[in-house]
C-alpha atoms as a PDB file:
ATOM      1  CA  MET A   1     -51.317   9.681   5.721  1.00  0.00           C
ATOM      2  CA  ARG A   2     -51.905  13.383   5.117  1.00  0.00           C
ATOM      3  CA  GLU A   3     -49.935  14.313   8.216  1.00  0.00           C
ATOM      4  CA  THR A   4     -46.858  12.352   7.171  1.00  0.00           C
ATOM      5  CA  GLN A   5     -46.938  12.637   3.366  1.00  0.00           C
ATOM      6  CA  ALA A   6     -44.130  15.237   3.293  1.00  0.00           C
ATOM      7  CA  ASN A   7     -41.811  13.287   5.606  1.00  0.00           C
ATOM      8  CA  SER A   8     -38.590  12.130   3.966  1.00  0.00           C
ATOM      9  CA  ALA A   9     -36.353  11.170   6.895  1.00  0.00           C
ATOM     10  CA  LEU A  10     -37.735   7.733   7.678  1.00  0.00           C
ATOM     11  CA  ASN A  11     -38.195   4.520   5.737  1.00  0.00           C
ATOM     12  CA  LEU A  12     -40.512   1.918   7.196  1.00  0.00           C
ATOM     13  CA  ASN A  13     -39.936  -1.607   5.952  1.00  0.00           C
ATOM     14  CA  LEU A  14     -42.274  -4.329   7.089  1.00  0.00           C
ATOM     15  CA  ALA A  15     -40.980  -7.861   6.755  1.00  0.00           C
ATOM     16  CA  LEU A  16     -44.074  -9.961   7.233  1.00  0.00           C
ATOM     17  CA  SER A  17     -43.451 -13.693   7.086  1.00  0.00           C
ATOM     18  CA  TYR A  18     -39.906 -12.823   6.064  1.00  0.00           C
ATOM     19  CA  GLY A  19     -37.591 -15.692   5.224  1.00  0.00           C
ATOM     20  CA  GLY A  20     -34.036 -14.395   5.120  1.00  0.00           C
ATOM     21  CA  ARG A  21     -32.611 -17.760   4.152  1.00  0.00           C
ATOM     22  CA  ASP A  22     -34.913 -17.957   1.147  1.00  0.00           C
ATOM     23  CA  GLU A  23     -33.844 -14.479   0.048  1.00  0.00           C
ATOM     24  CA  ILE A  24     -30.147 -15.341   0.356  1.00  0.00           C
ATOM     25  CA  THR A  25     -30.706 -18.599  -1.533  1.00  0.00           C
ATOM     26  CA  ARG A  26     -32.443 -16.789  -4.400  1.00  0.00           C
ATOM     27  CA  ALA A  27     -29.663 -14.169  -4.567  1.00  0.00           C
ATOM     28  CA  ALA A  28     -26.983 -16.893  -4.570  1.00  0.00           C
ATOM     29  CA  ARG A  29     -28.797 -18.760  -7.334  1.00  0.00           C
ATOM     30  CA  ALA A  30     -28.979 -15.561  -9.371  1.00  0.00           C
ATOM     31  CA  LEU A  31     -25.213 -15.137  -9.019  1.00  0.00           C
ATOM     32  CA  CYS A  32     -24.625 -18.773 -10.013  1.00  0.00           C
ATOM     33  CA  ALA A  33     -26.839 -18.393 -13.078  1.00  0.00           C
ATOM     34  CA  GLU A  34     -24.897 -15.316 -14.166  1.00  0.00           C
ATOM     35  CA  VAL A  35     -21.574 -17.129 -13.745  1.00  0.00           C
ATOM     36  CA  GLN A  36     -22.925 -20.100 -15.696  1.00  0.00           C
ATOM     37  CA  ALA A  37     -24.184 -17.807 -18.473  1.00  0.00           C
ATOM     38  CA  GLY A  38     -20.777 -16.139 -18.649  1.00  0.00           C
ATOM     39  CA  SER A  39     -22.046 -12.678 -17.740  1.00  0.00           C
ATOM     40  CA  LEU A  40     -20.289 -12.705 -14.348  1.00  0.00           C
ATOM     41  CA  ARG A  41     -16.894 -14.046 -13.342  1.00  0.00           C
ATOM     42  CA  PHE A  42     -16.595 -16.192 -10.223  1.00  0.00           C
ATOM     43  CA  GLU A  43     -13.949 -13.762  -8.929  1.00  0.00           C
ATOM     44  CA  ASP A  44     -16.482 -10.920  -9.144  1.00  0.00           C
ATOM     45  CA  ILE A  45     -18.804 -12.451  -6.546  1.00  0.00           C
ATOM     46  CA  THR A  46     -18.501 -10.048  -3.641  1.00  0.00           C
ATOM     47  CA  GLU A  47     -20.622  -8.863  -0.763  1.00  0.00           C
ATOM     48  CA  GLU A  48     -21.735  -5.984  -2.970  1.00  0.00           C
ATOM     49  CA  ALA A  49     -22.681  -8.352  -5.812  1.00  0.00           C
ATOM     50  CA  LEU A  50     -24.790 -10.455  -3.454  1.00  0.00           C
ATOM     51  CA  SER A  51     -26.349  -7.367  -1.896  1.00  0.00           C
ATOM     52  CA  ALA A  52     -27.362  -6.100  -5.335  1.00  0.00           C
ATOM     53  CA  ARG A  53     -29.471  -9.227  -5.813  1.00  0.00           C
ATOM     54  CA  LEU A  54     -31.309  -9.122  -2.470  1.00  0.00           C
ATOM     55  CA  ASP A  55     -34.903  -7.953  -2.123  1.00  0.00           C
ATOM     56  CA  THR A  56     -33.630  -4.984  -0.108  1.00  0.00           C
ATOM     57  CA  ARG A  57     -31.373  -3.668  -2.882  1.00  0.00           C
ATOM     58  CA  GLY A  58     -31.788   0.057  -3.291  1.00  0.00           C
ATOM     59  CA  LEU A  59     -32.976   0.629   0.254  1.00  0.00           C
ATOM     60  CA  PRO A  60     -30.786   2.780   2.469  1.00  0.00           C
ATOM     61  CA  ILE A  61     -28.751   0.803   5.006  1.00  0.00           C
ATOM     62  CA  GLN A  62     -28.606   2.193   8.521  1.00  0.00           C
ATOM     63  CA  ILE A  63     -26.670   0.490  11.263  1.00  0.00           C
ATOM     64  CA  PHE A  64     -27.567   1.457  14.809  1.00  0.00           C
END
């Protein structure tokens, strides 16, 4: 840990027992709840809106 504490070029994300479908379901339910509450319009549901409700929100996205 001492040798790598100053590193800033790499993010390591471990997805142990990861269930992507569960994550997408929870994000979709969050969007539905916001629409139902009137704080989000149906038309405003976008890829970005869904992404903002995923567990990985805020993490940098790198496509290789």
